[in-house]
Amino acid sequence: MIKLTDSAVNRIQEMVAKREAAIGLRIGVTESGCSGYSYAMDFAESVAGNDTVIEQDGVKVIIDEASMPILDGIELDYVKQGLNQSFKFNNPNVVSSCGCGESFSTTK
C-alpha cells in the first residue's frame, strides 16, 4: 500500500488542478544511475488496465504494474526546506542508494 502525507496530498491537488487533462499523479521507477533505480513522476491523463490506482483524500496516484513491487509500502511526502521544495519517497524497500542520492537499490 502507498500512503500520502497531508503535505503531499495538498501539493498533488494543487498540481493536478493546474493541468486540465490530468486525473492524478503517476509515479514509478526506471532503471537508472549507479545503484539501479530512480523515481519517475508525471501527470496521469489515463489509467491503463495493469495500473494500480491509489486514492487518498480525493487525489489519485497511479502506479504501473512493474513499479508496484518496488514502491509498495512507501510514504510519499512533500517537504519544504528553506528555498527547496520536493517530493520525498520514504521507501522501506530501499537497501542502498548512491552517493548523489539520485538512484537506489532494493531487495525486490
PDB file of N, CA and C in Angstrom:
ATOM      1  N   MET A   1       0.840  -1.183   0.000  1.00  0.00           N
ATOM      2  CA  MET A   1       0.000   0.000   0.000  1.00  0.00           C
ATOM      3  C   MET A   1       0.887   1.249   0.000  1.00  0.00           C
ATOM      4  N   ILE A   2       0.375   2.305  -0.544  1.00  0.00           N
ATOM      5  CA  ILE A   2       1.079   3.580  -0.631  1.00  0.00           C
ATOM      6  C   ILE A   2       0.353   4.578   0.262  1.00  0.00           C
ATOM      7  N   LYS A   3       1.096   5.362   1.019  1.00  0.00           N
ATOM      8  CA  LYS A   3       0.497   6.377   1.879  1.00  0.00           C
ATOM      9  C   LYS A   3       1.012   7.745   1.472  1.00  0.00           C
ATOM     10  N   LEU A   4       0.128   8.714   1.481  1.00  0.00           N
ATOM     11  CA  LEU A   4       0.485  10.102   1.190  1.00  0.00           C
ATOM     12  C   LEU A   4       0.372  10.906   2.476  1.00  0.00           C
ATOM     13  N   THR A   5       1.342  11.761   2.736  1.00  0.00           N
ATOM     14  CA  THR A   5       1.213  12.673   3.870  1.00  0.00           C
ATOM     15  C   THR A   5       0.232  13.779   3.479  1.00  0.00           C
ATOM     16  N   ASP A   6      -0.256  14.509   4.464  1.00  0.00           N
ATOM     17  CA  ASP A   6      -1.164  15.628   4.186  1.00  0.00           C
ATOM     18  C   ASP A   6      -0.511  16.648   3.269  1.00  0.00           C
ATOM     19  N   SER A   7       0.767  16.893   3.476  1.00  0.00           N
ATOM     20  CA  SER A   7       1.509  17.837   2.649  1.00  0.00           C
ATOM     21  C   SER A   7       1.556  17.367   1.193  1.00  0.00           C
ATOM     22  N   ALA A   8       1.766  16.074   0.973  1.00  0.00           N
ATOM     23  CA  ALA A   8       1.798  15.522  -0.387  1.00  0.00           C
ATOM     24  C   ALA A   8       0.418  15.616  -1.031  1.00  0.00           C
ATOM     25  N   VAL A   9      -0.625  15.298  -0.284  1.00  0.00           N
ATOM     26  CA  VAL A   9      -1.994  15.398  -0.809  1.00  0.00           C
ATOM     27  C   VAL A   9      -2.271  16.824  -1.267  1.00  0.00           C
ATOM     28  N   ASN A  10      -1.949  17.795  -0.430  1.00  0.00           N
ATOM     29  CA  ASN A  10      -2.199  19.199  -0.780  1.00  0.00           C
ATOM     30  C   ASN A  10      -1.436  19.612  -2.027  1.00  0.00           C
ATOM     31  N   ARG A  11      -0.177  19.212  -2.139  1.00  0.00           N
ATOM     32  CA  ARG A  11       0.631  19.594  -3.298  1.00  0.00           C
ATOM     33  C   ARG A  11       0.127  18.923  -4.576  1.00  0.00           C
ATOM     34  N   ILE A  12      -0.240  17.659  -4.492  1.00  0.00           N
ATOM     35  CA  ILE A  12      -0.775  16.959  -5.662  1.00  0.00           C
ATOM     36  C   ILE A  12      -2.078  17.616  -6.115  1.00  0.00           C
ATOM     37  N   GLN A  13      -2.947  17.969  -5.167  1.00  0.00           N
ATOM     38  CA  GLN A  13      -4.192  18.665  -5.519  1.00  0.00           C
ATOM     39  C   GLN A  13      -3.905  19.962  -6.266  1.00  0.00           C
ATOM     40  N   GLU A  14      -2.949  20.735  -5.781  1.00  0.00           N
ATOM     41  CA  GLU A  14      -2.581  21.996  -6.435  1.00  0.00           C
ATOM     42  C   GLU A  14      -2.057  21.750  -7.846  1.00  0.00           C
ATOM     43  N   MET A  15      -1.191  20.772  -7.999  1.00  0.00           N
ATOM     44  CA  MET A  15      -0.583  20.489  -9.296  1.00  0.00           C
ATOM     45  C   MET A  15      -1.623  20.006 -10.315  1.00  0.00           C
ATOM     46  N   VAL A  16      -2.455  19.068  -9.906  1.00  0.00           N
ATOM     47  CA  VAL A  16      -3.446  18.491 -10.821  1.00  0.00           C
ATOM     48  C   VAL A  16      -4.483  19.535 -11.219  1.00  0.00           C
ATOM     49  N   ALA A  17      -4.842  20.416 -10.299  1.00  0.00           N
ATOM     50  CA  ALA A  17      -5.826  21.457 -10.599  1.00  0.00           C
ATOM     51  C   ALA A  17      -5.344  22.398 -11.701  1.00  0.00           C
ATOM     52  N   LYS A  18      -4.048  22.563 -11.825  1.00  0.00           N
ATOM     53  CA  LYS A  18      -3.480  23.468 -12.828  1.00  0.00           C
ATOM     54  C   LYS A  18      -3.303  22.800 -14.189  1.00  0.00           C
ATOM     55  N   ARG A  19      -3.492  21.514 -14.260  1.00  0.00           N
ATOM     56  CA  ARG A  19      -3.272  20.752 -15.500  1.00  0.00           C
ATOM     57  C   ARG A  19      -4.601  20.159 -15.951  1.00  0.00           C
ATOM     58  N   GLU A  20      -5.209  20.755 -16.952  1.00  0.00           N
ATOM     59  CA  GLU A  20      -6.575  20.427 -17.369  1.00  0.00           C
ATOM     60  C   GLU A  20      -6.825  18.952 -17.635  1.00  0.00           C
ATOM     61  N   ALA A  21      -5.929  18.280 -18.333  1.00  0.00           N
ATOM     62  CA  ALA A  21      -6.161  16.887 -18.713  1.00  0.00           C
ATOM     63  C   ALA A  21      -5.761  15.886 -17.627  1.00  0.00           C
ATOM     64  N   ALA A  22      -5.126  16.338 -16.567  1.00  0.00           N
ATOM     65  CA  ALA A  22      -4.615  15.421 -15.536  1.00  0.00           C
ATOM     66  C   ALA A  22      -5.739  14.885 -14.657  1.00  0.00           C
ATOM     67  N   ILE A  23      -5.631  13.587 -14.365  1.00  0.00           N
ATOM     68  CA  ILE A  23      -6.567  12.964 -13.429  1.00  0.00           C
ATOM     69  C   ILE A  23      -5.876  12.612 -12.119  1.00  0.00           C
ATOM     70  N   GLY A  24      -4.557  12.717 -12.103  1.00  0.00           N
ATOM     71  CA  GLY A  24      -3.788  12.392 -10.911  1.00  0.00           C
ATOM     72  C   GLY A  24      -2.305  12.461 -11.188  1.00  0.00           C
ATOM     73  N   LEU A  25      -1.546  11.900 -10.278  1.00  0.00           N
ATOM     74  CA  LEU A  25      -0.092  11.879 -10.379  1.00  0.00           C
ATOM     75  C   LEU A  25       0.357  10.453 -10.657  1.00  0.00           C
ATOM     76  N   ARG A  26       1.195  10.280 -11.669  1.00  0.00           N
ATOM     77  CA  ARG A  26       1.753   8.961 -11.977  1.00  0.00           C
ATOM     78  C   ARG A  26       3.158   8.900 -11.383  1.00  0.00           C
ATOM     79  N   ILE A  27       3.404   7.855 -10.581  1.00  0.00           N
ATOM     80  CA  ILE A  27       4.742   7.633 -10.049  1.00  0.00           C
ATOM     81  C   ILE A  27       5.207   6.247 -10.457  1.00  0.00           C
ATOM     82  N   GLY A  28       6.506   6.104 -10.570  1.00  0.00           N
ATOM     83  CA  GLY A  28       7.073   4.823 -10.944  1.00  0.00           C
ATOM     84  C   GLY A  28       8.569   4.831 -10.728  1.00  0.00           C
ATOM     85  N   VAL A  29       9.207   3.797 -11.203  1.00  0.00           N
ATOM     86  CA  VAL A  29      10.655   3.716 -11.136  1.00  0.00           C
ATOM     87  C   VAL A  29      11.186   3.373 -12.521  1.00  0.00           C
ATOM     88  N   THR A  30      12.391   3.832 -12.790  1.00  0.00           N
ATOM     89  CA  THR A  30      13.083   3.485 -14.024  1.00  0.00           C
ATOM     90  C   THR A  30      14.463   2.967 -13.663  1.00  0.00           C
ATOM     91  N   GLU A  31      14.999   2.092 -14.490  1.00  0.00           N
ATOM     92  CA  GLU A  31      16.363   1.628 -14.271  1.00  0.00           C
ATOM     93  C   GLU A  31      17.286   2.782 -14.617  1.00  0.00           C
ATOM     94  N   SER A  32      18.123   3.156 -13.640  1.00  0.00           N
ATOM     95  CA  SER A  32      18.933   4.351 -13.832  1.00  0.00           C
ATOM     96  C   SER A  32      20.021   4.430 -12.779  1.00  0.00           C
ATOM     97  N   GLY A  33      21.032   5.214 -13.080  1.00  0.00           N
ATOM     98  CA  GLY A  33      22.055   5.542 -12.096  1.00  0.00           C
ATOM     99  C   GLY A  33      22.946   4.378 -11.732  1.00  0.00           C
ATOM    100  N   CYS A  34      23.788   4.630 -10.760  1.00  0.00           N
ATOM    101  CA  CYS A  34      24.779   3.630 -10.374  1.00  0.00           C
ATOM    102  C   CYS A  34      24.224   2.589  -9.402  1.00  0.00           C
ATOM    103  N   SER A  35      23.057   2.867  -8.783  1.00  0.00           N
ATOM    104  CA  SER A  35      22.522   1.918  -7.811  1.00  0.00           C
ATOM    105  C   SER A  35      21.384   1.053  -8.346  1.00  0.00           C
ATOM    106  N   GLY A  36      20.792   1.419  -9.467  1.00  0.00           N
ATOM    107  CA  GLY A  36      19.776   0.550 -10.044  1.00  0.00           C
ATOM    108  C   GLY A  36      18.500   1.228 -10.494  1.00  0.00           C
ATOM    109  N   TYR A  37      17.852   1.997  -9.615  1.00  0.00           N
ATOM    110  CA  TYR A  37      16.565   2.607  -9.935  1.00  0.00           C
ATOM    111  C   TYR A  37      16.553   4.083  -9.559  1.00  0.00           C
ATOM    112  N   SER A  38      15.667   4.822 -10.229  1.00  0.00           N
ATOM    113  CA  SER A  38      15.372   6.188  -9.804  1.00  0.00           C
ATOM    114  C   SER A  38      13.859   6.378  -9.910  1.00  0.00           C
ATOM    115  N   TYR A  39      13.348   7.315  -9.166  1.00  0.00           N
ATOM    116  CA  TYR A  39      11.914   7.581  -9.167  1.00  0.00           C
ATOM    117  C   TYR A  39      11.542   8.422 -10.382  1.00  0.00           C
ATOM    118  N   ALA A  40      10.345   8.187 -10.893  1.00  0.00           N
ATOM    119  CA  ALA A  40       9.809   8.952 -12.010  1.00  0.00           C
ATOM    120  C   ALA A  40       8.436   9.473 -11.619  1.00  0.00           C
ATOM    121  N   MET A  41       8.166  10.726 -11.960  1.00  0.00           N
ATOM    122  CA  MET A  41       6.868  11.331 -11.659  1.00  0.00           C
ATOM    123  C   MET A  41       6.385  12.101 -12.880  1.00  0.00           C
ATOM    124  N   ASP A  42       5.084  12.048 -13.108  1.00  0.00           N
ATOM    125  CA  ASP A  42       4.479  12.784 -14.209  1.00  0.00           C
ATOM    126  C   ASP A  42       2.988  12.903 -13.919  1.00  0.00           C
ATOM    127  N   PHE A  43       2.325  13.722 -14.693  1.00  0.00           N
ATOM    128  CA  PHE A  43       0.880  13.795 -14.586  1.00  0.00           C
ATOM    129  C   PHE A  43       0.274  12.572 -15.257  1.00  0.00           C
ATOM    130  N   ALA A  44      -0.793  12.054 -14.686  1.00  0.00           N
ATOM    131  CA  ALA A  44      -1.515  10.939 -15.300  1.00  0.00           C
ATOM    132  C   ALA A  44      -2.739  11.507 -16.003  1.00  0.00           C
ATOM    133  N   GLU A  45      -2.895  11.131 -17.260  1.00  0.00           N
ATOM    134  CA  GLU A  45      -4.060  11.559 -18.021  1.00  0.00           C
ATOM    135  C   GLU A  45      -4.990  10.396 -18.310  1.00  0.00           C
ATOM    136  N   SER A  46      -4.542   9.183 -18.007  1.00  0.00           N
ATOM    137  CA  SER A  46      -5.373   7.994 -18.190  1.00  0.00           C
ATOM    138  C   SER A  46      -4.852   6.889 -17.275  1.00  0.00           C
ATOM    139  N   VAL A  47      -5.646   5.831 -17.182  1.00  0.00           N
ATOM    140  CA  VAL A  47      -5.276   4.678 -16.375  1.00  0.00           C
ATOM    141  C   VAL A  47      -5.280   3.459 -17.284  1.00  0.00           C
ATOM    142  N   ALA A  48      -4.173   2.732 -17.320  1.00  0.00           N
ATOM    143  CA  ALA A  48      -4.079   1.504 -18.117  1.00  0.00           C
ATOM    144  C   ALA A  48      -4.647   0.339 -17.306  1.00  0.00           C
ATOM    145  N   GLY A  49      -4.963  -0.732 -17.991  1.00  0.00           N
ATOM    146  CA  GLY A  49      -5.556  -1.893 -17.338  1.00  0.00           C
ATOM    147  C   GLY A  49      -4.690  -2.534 -16.278  1.00  0.00           C
ATOM    148  N   ASN A  50      -3.363  -2.405 -16.400  1.00  0.00           N
ATOM    149  CA  ASN A  50      -2.473  -3.027 -15.422  1.00  0.00           C
ATOM    150  C   ASN A  50      -1.940  -2.024 -14.388  1.00  0.00           C
ATOM    151  N   ASP A  51      -2.487  -0.823 -14.358  1.00  0.00           N
ATOM    152  CA  ASP A  51      -2.096   0.182 -13.370  1.00  0.00           C
ATOM    153  C   ASP A  51      -2.791  -0.063 -12.038  1.00  0.00           C
ATOM    154  N   THR A  52      -2.135   0.349 -10.972  1.00  0.00           N
ATOM    155  CA  THR A  52      -2.760   0.381  -9.649  1.00  0.00           C
ATOM    156  C   THR A  52      -3.095   1.830  -9.358  1.00  0.00           C
ATOM    157  N   VAL A  53      -4.318   2.073  -8.902  1.00  0.00           N
ATOM    158  CA  VAL A  53      -4.752   3.429  -8.567  1.00  0.00           C
ATOM    159  C   VAL A  53      -4.941   3.513  -7.061  1.00  0.00           C
ATOM    160  N   ILE A  54      -4.211   4.412  -6.441  1.00  0.00           N
ATOM    161  CA  ILE A  54      -4.335   4.682  -5.013  1.00  0.00           C
ATOM    162  C   ILE A  54      -5.075   6.007  -4.893  1.00  0.00           C
ATOM    163  N   GLU A  55      -6.171   6.008  -4.169  1.00  0.00           N
ATOM    164  CA  GLU A  55      -6.902   7.247  -3.971  1.00  0.00           C
ATOM    165  C   GLU A  55      -6.927   7.557  -2.481  1.00  0.00           C
ATOM    166  N   GLN A  56      -6.483   8.766  -2.150  1.00  0.00           N
ATOM    167  CA  GLN A  56      -6.449   9.188  -0.756  1.00  0.00           C
ATOM    168  C   GLN A  56      -6.848  10.649  -0.682  1.00  0.00           C
ATOM    169  N   ASP A  57      -7.821  10.941   0.137  1.00  0.00           N
ATOM    170  CA  ASP A  57      -8.272  12.318   0.370  1.00  0.00           C
ATOM    171  C   ASP A  57      -8.562  13.062  -0.929  1.00  0.00           C
ATOM    172  N   GLY A  58      -9.134  12.347  -1.900  1.00  0.00           N
ATOM    173  CA  GLY A  58      -9.543  12.991  -3.141  1.00  0.00           C
ATOM    174  C   GLY A  58      -8.485  13.104  -4.215  1.00  0.00           C
ATOM    175  N   VAL A  59      -7.281  12.610  -3.980  1.00  0.00           N
ATOM    176  CA  VAL A  59      -6.255  12.626  -5.030  1.00  0.00           C
ATOM    177  C   VAL A  59      -5.934  11.197  -5.450  1.00  0.00           C
ATOM    178  N   LYS A  60      -5.570  11.074  -6.724  1.00  0.00           N
ATOM    179  CA  LYS A  60      -5.228   9.764  -7.265  1.00  0.00           C
ATOM    180  C   LYS A  60      -3.746   9.709  -7.592  1.00  0.00           C
ATOM    181  N   VAL A  61      -3.139   8.591  -7.202  1.00  0.00           N
ATOM    182  CA  VAL A  61      -1.767   8.281  -7.579  1.00  0.00           C
ATOM    183  C   VAL A  61      -1.832   6.989  -8.376  1.00  0.00           C
ATOM    184  N   ILE A  62      -1.282   7.030  -9.580  1.00  0.00           N
ATOM    185  CA  ILE A  62      -1.335   5.889 -10.484  1.00  0.00           C
ATOM    186  C   ILE A  62       0.073   5.299 -10.602  1.00  0.00           C
ATOM    187  N   ILE A  63       0.167   3.961 -10.457  1.00  0.00           N
ATOM    188  CA  ILE A  63       1.451   3.271 -10.465  1.00  0.00           C
ATOM    189  C   ILE A  63       1.386   2.117 -11.454  1.00  0.00           C
ATOM    190  N   ASP A  64       2.376   2.026 -12.343  1.00  0.00           N
ATOM    191  CA  ASP A  64       2.389   0.931 -13.315  1.00  0.00           C
ATOM    192  C   ASP A  64       2.734  -0.378 -12.625  1.00  0.00           C
ATOM    193  N   GLU A  65       2.333  -1.466 -13.254  1.00  0.00           N
ATOM    194  CA  GLU A  65       2.482  -2.799 -12.686  1.00  0.00           C
ATOM    195  C   GLU A  65       3.932  -3.154 -12.347  1.00  0.00           C
ATOM    196  N   ALA A  66       4.869  -2.781 -13.206  1.00  0.00           N
ATOM    197  CA  ALA A  66       6.276  -3.129 -12.984  1.00  0.00           C
ATOM    198  C   ALA A  66       6.871  -2.392 -11.783  1.00  0.00           C
ATOM    199  N   SER A  67       6.396  -1.176 -11.515  1.00  0.00           N
ATOM    200  CA  SER A  67       6.932  -0.373 -10.410  1.00  0.00           C
ATOM    201  C   SER A  67       6.320  -0.723  -9.063  1.00  0.00           C
ATOM    202  N   MET A  68       5.138  -1.322  -9.076  1.00  0.00           N
ATOM    203  CA  MET A  68       4.403  -1.536  -7.826  1.00  0.00           C
ATOM    204  C   MET A  68       5.178  -2.336  -6.782  1.00  0.00           C
ATOM    205  N   PRO A  69       5.846  -3.438  -7.119  1.00  0.00           N
ATOM    206  CA  PRO A  69       6.576  -4.174  -6.069  1.00  0.00           C
ATOM    207  C   PRO A  69       7.676  -3.334  -5.407  1.00  0.00           C
ATOM    208  N   ILE A  70       8.298  -2.452  -6.163  1.00  0.00           N
ATOM    209  CA  ILE A  70       9.384  -1.625  -5.634  1.00  0.00           C
ATOM    210  C   ILE A  70       8.834  -0.477  -4.784  1.00  0.00           C
ATOM    211  N   LEU A  71       7.641   0.013  -5.141  1.00  0.00           N
ATOM    212  CA  LEU A  71       7.045   1.143  -4.432  1.00  0.00           C
ATOM    213  C   LEU A  71       6.082   0.729  -3.322  1.00  0.00           C
ATOM    214  N   ASP A  72       5.753  -0.534  -3.253  1.00  0.00           N
ATOM    215  CA  ASP A  72       4.795  -0.992  -2.248  1.00  0.00           C
ATOM    216  C   ASP A  72       5.303  -0.683  -0.838  1.00  0.00           C
ATOM    217  N   GLY A  73       4.495   0.004  -0.068  1.00  0.00           N
ATOM    218  CA  GLY A  73       4.845   0.340   1.307  1.00  0.00           C
ATOM    219  C   GLY A  73       5.425   1.732   1.483  1.00  0.00           C
ATOM    220  N   ILE A  74       5.591   2.495   0.387  1.00  0.00           N
ATOM    221  CA  ILE A  74       6.194   3.825   0.529  1.00  0.00           C
ATOM    222  C   ILE A  74       5.246   4.814   1.172  1.00  0.00           C
ATOM    223  N   GLU A  75       5.850   5.842   1.726  1.00  0.00           N
ATOM    224  CA  GLU A  75       5.130   7.034   2.143  1.00  0.00           C
ATOM    225  C   GLU A  75       5.677   8.163   1.267  1.00  0.00           C
ATOM    226  N   LEU A  76       4.768   8.831   0.575  1.00  0.00           N
ATOM    227  CA  LEU A  76       5.158   9.958  -0.263  1.00  0.00           C
ATOM    228  C   LEU A  76       4.880  11.238   0.506  1.00  0.00           C
ATOM    229  N   ASP A  77       5.910  12.043   0.679  1.00  0.00           N
ATOM    230  CA  ASP A  77       5.813  13.291   1.428  1.00  0.00           C
ATOM    231  C   ASP A  77       6.196  14.445   0.514  1.00  0.00           C
ATOM    232  N   TYR A  78       5.768  15.633   0.877  1.00  0.00           N
ATOM    233  CA  TYR A  78       6.194  16.845   0.176  1.00  0.00           C
ATOM    234  C   TYR A  78       6.807  17.749   1.229  1.00  0.00           C
ATOM    235  N   VAL A  79       8.082  18.052   1.058  1.00  0.00           N
ATOM    236  CA  VAL A  79       8.807  18.798   2.081  1.00  0.00           C
ATOM    237  C   VAL A  79       9.330  20.116   1.548  1.00  0.00           C
ATOM    238  N   LYS A  80       9.361  21.088   2.435  1.00  0.00           N
ATOM    239  CA  LYS A  80       9.936  22.395   2.138  1.00  0.00           C
ATOM    240  C   LYS A  80      11.082  22.613   3.116  1.00  0.00           C
ATOM    241  N   GLN A  81      12.263  22.867   2.561  1.00  0.00           N
ATOM    242  CA  GLN A  81      13.436  23.136   3.389  1.00  0.00           C
ATOM    243  C   GLN A  81      14.100  24.388   2.843  1.00  0.00           C
ATOM    244  N   GLY A  82      13.887  25.499   3.508  1.00  0.00           N
ATOM    245  CA  GLY A  82      14.412  26.769   3.018  1.00  0.00           C
ATOM    246  C   GLY A  82      13.760  27.113   1.695  1.00  0.00           C
ATOM    247  N   LEU A  83      14.558  27.325   0.669  1.00  0.00           N
ATOM    248  CA  LEU A  83      14.034  27.643  -0.653  1.00  0.00           C
ATOM    249  C   LEU A  83      13.710  26.392  -1.472  1.00  0.00           C
ATOM    250  N   ASN A  84      14.110  25.224  -0.985  1.00  0.00           N
ATOM    251  CA  ASN A  84      13.904  23.973  -1.718  1.00  0.00           C
ATOM    252  C   ASN A  84      12.578  23.319  -1.339  1.00  0.00           C
ATOM    253  N   GLN A  85      11.897  22.799  -2.346  1.00  0.00           N
ATOM    254  CA  GLN A  85      10.648  22.072  -2.158  1.00  0.00           C
ATOM    255  C   GLN A  85      10.691  20.849  -3.057  1.00  0.00           C
ATOM    256  N   SER A  86      10.299  19.696  -2.523  1.00  0.00           N
ATOM    257  CA  SER A  86      10.306  18.493  -3.361  1.00  0.00           C
ATOM    258  C   SER A  86       9.500  17.379  -2.708  1.00  0.00           C
ATOM    259  N   PHE A  87       9.143  16.402  -3.546  1.00  0.00           N
ATOM    260  CA  PHE A  87       8.538  15.190  -3.030  1.00  0.00           C
ATOM    261  C   PHE A  87       9.645  14.311  -2.475  1.00  0.00           C
ATOM    262  N   LYS A  88       9.344  13.633  -1.385  1.00  0.00           N
ATOM    263  CA  LYS A  88      10.308  12.731  -0.764  1.00  0.00           C
ATOM    264  C   LYS A  88       9.673  11.348  -0.667  1.00  0.00           C
ATOM    265  N   PHE A  89      10.372  10.365  -1.188  1.00  0.00           N
ATOM    266  CA  PHE A  89       9.911   8.979  -1.137  1.00  0.00           C
ATOM    267  C   PHE A  89      10.535   8.311   0.083  1.00  0.00           C
ATOM    268  N   ASN A  90       9.727   7.947   1.039  1.00  0.00           N
ATOM    269  CA  ASN A  90      10.194   7.178   2.193  1.00  0.00           C
ATOM    270  C   ASN A  90       9.871   5.718   1.879  1.00  0.00           C
ATOM    271  N   ASN A  91      10.864   5.024   1.342  1.00  0.00           N
ATOM    272  CA  ASN A  91      10.653   3.692   0.799  1.00  0.00           C
ATOM    273  C   ASN A  91      11.350   2.644   1.672  1.00  0.00           C
ATOM    274  N   PRO A  92      10.558   1.800   2.356  1.00  0.00           N
ATOM    275  CA  PRO A  92      11.160   0.782   3.222  1.00  0.00           C
ATOM    276  C   PRO A  92      11.879  -0.324   2.443  1.00  0.00           C
ATOM    277  N   ASN A  93      11.686  -0.379   1.130  1.00  0.00           N
ATOM    278  CA  ASN A  93      12.316  -1.412   0.314  1.00  0.00           C
ATOM    279  C   ASN A  93      13.741  -1.068  -0.105  1.00  0.00           C
ATOM    280  N   VAL A  94      14.161   0.170   0.104  1.00  0.00           N
ATOM    281  CA  VAL A  94      15.494   0.607  -0.310  1.00  0.00           C
ATOM    282  C   VAL A  94      16.540   0.061   0.662  1.00  0.00           C
ATOM    283  N   VAL A  95      17.559  -0.583   0.094  1.00  0.00           N
ATOM    284  CA  VAL A  95      18.640  -1.112   0.922  1.00  0.00           C
ATOM    285  C   VAL A  95      19.929  -0.305   0.772  1.00  0.00           C
ATOM    286  N   SER A  96      20.054   0.418  -0.351  1.00  0.00           N
ATOM    287  CA  SER A  96      21.214   1.285  -0.526  1.00  0.00           C
ATOM    288  C   SER A  96      20.892   2.333  -1.578  1.00  0.00           C
ATOM    289  N   SER A  97      21.642   3.442  -1.515  1.00  0.00           N
ATOM    290  CA  SER A  97      21.484   4.482  -2.522  1.00  0.00           C
ATOM    291  C   SER A  97      22.873   5.010  -2.878  1.00  0.00           C
ATOM    292  N   CYS A  98      22.942   5.639  -4.040  1.00  0.00           N
ATOM    293  CA  CYS A  98      24.236   6.143  -4.477  1.00  0.00           C
ATOM    294  C   CYS A  98      24.597   7.403  -3.685  1.00  0.00           C
ATOM    295  N   GLY A  99      25.820   7.806  -3.791  1.00  0.00           N
ATOM    296  CA  GLY A  99      26.301   8.959  -3.044  1.00  0.00           C
ATOM    297  C   GLY A  99      25.599  10.257  -3.385  1.00  0.00           C
ATOM    298  N   CYS A 100      25.149  10.413  -4.623  1.00  0.00           N
ATOM    299  CA  CYS A 100      24.476  11.659  -5.014  1.00  0.00           C
ATOM    300  C   CYS A 100      22.991  11.626  -4.659  1.00  0.00           C
ATOM    301  N   GLY A 101      22.476  10.458  -4.270  1.00  0.00           N
ATOM    302  CA  GLY A 101      21.079  10.367  -3.868  1.00  0.00           C
ATOM    303  C   GLY A 101      20.085  10.251  -5.008  1.00  0.00           C
ATOM    304  N   GLU A 102      20.575  10.089  -6.231  1.00  0.00           N
ATOM    305  CA  GLU A 102      19.688  10.040  -7.394  1.00  0.00           C
ATOM    306  C   GLU A 102      19.168   8.629  -7.705  1.00  0.00           C
ATOM    307  N   SER A 103      19.849   7.599  -7.248  1.00  0.00           N
ATOM    308  CA  SER A 103      19.392   6.253  -7.551  1.00  0.00           C
ATOM    309  C   SER A 103      19.499   5.373  -6.300  1.00  0.00           C
ATOM    310  N   PHE A 104      18.823   4.220  -6.366  1.00  0.00           N
ATOM    311  CA  PHE A 104      18.752   3.340  -5.196  1.00  0.00           C
ATOM    312  C   PHE A 104      18.608   1.902  -5.651  1.00  0.00           C
ATOM    313  N   SER A 105      18.835   0.983  -4.731  1.00  0.00           N
ATOM    314  CA  SER A 105      18.589  -0.434  -4.990  1.00  0.00           C
ATOM    315  C   SER A 105      17.672  -0.964  -3.890  1.00  0.00           C
ATOM    316  N   THR A 106      16.998  -2.077  -4.222  1.00  0.00           N
ATOM    317  CA  THR A 106      16.024  -2.643  -3.286  1.00  0.00           C
ATOM    318  C   THR A 106      16.278  -4.143  -3.123  1.00  0.00           C
ATOM    319  N   THR A 107      15.513  -4.726  -2.221  1.00  0.00           N
ATOM    320  CA  THR A 107      15.566  -6.167  -2.023  1.00  0.00           C
ATOM    321  C   THR A 107      14.650  -6.885  -3.014  1.00  0.00           C
ATOM    322  N   LYS A 108      13.816  -6.149  -3.734  1.00  0.00           N
ATOM    323  CA  LYS A 108      12.818  -6.741  -4.630  1.00  0.00           C
ATOM    324  C   LYS A 108      13.401  -7.029  -5.984  1.00  0.00           C
TER     325      LYS A 108
END
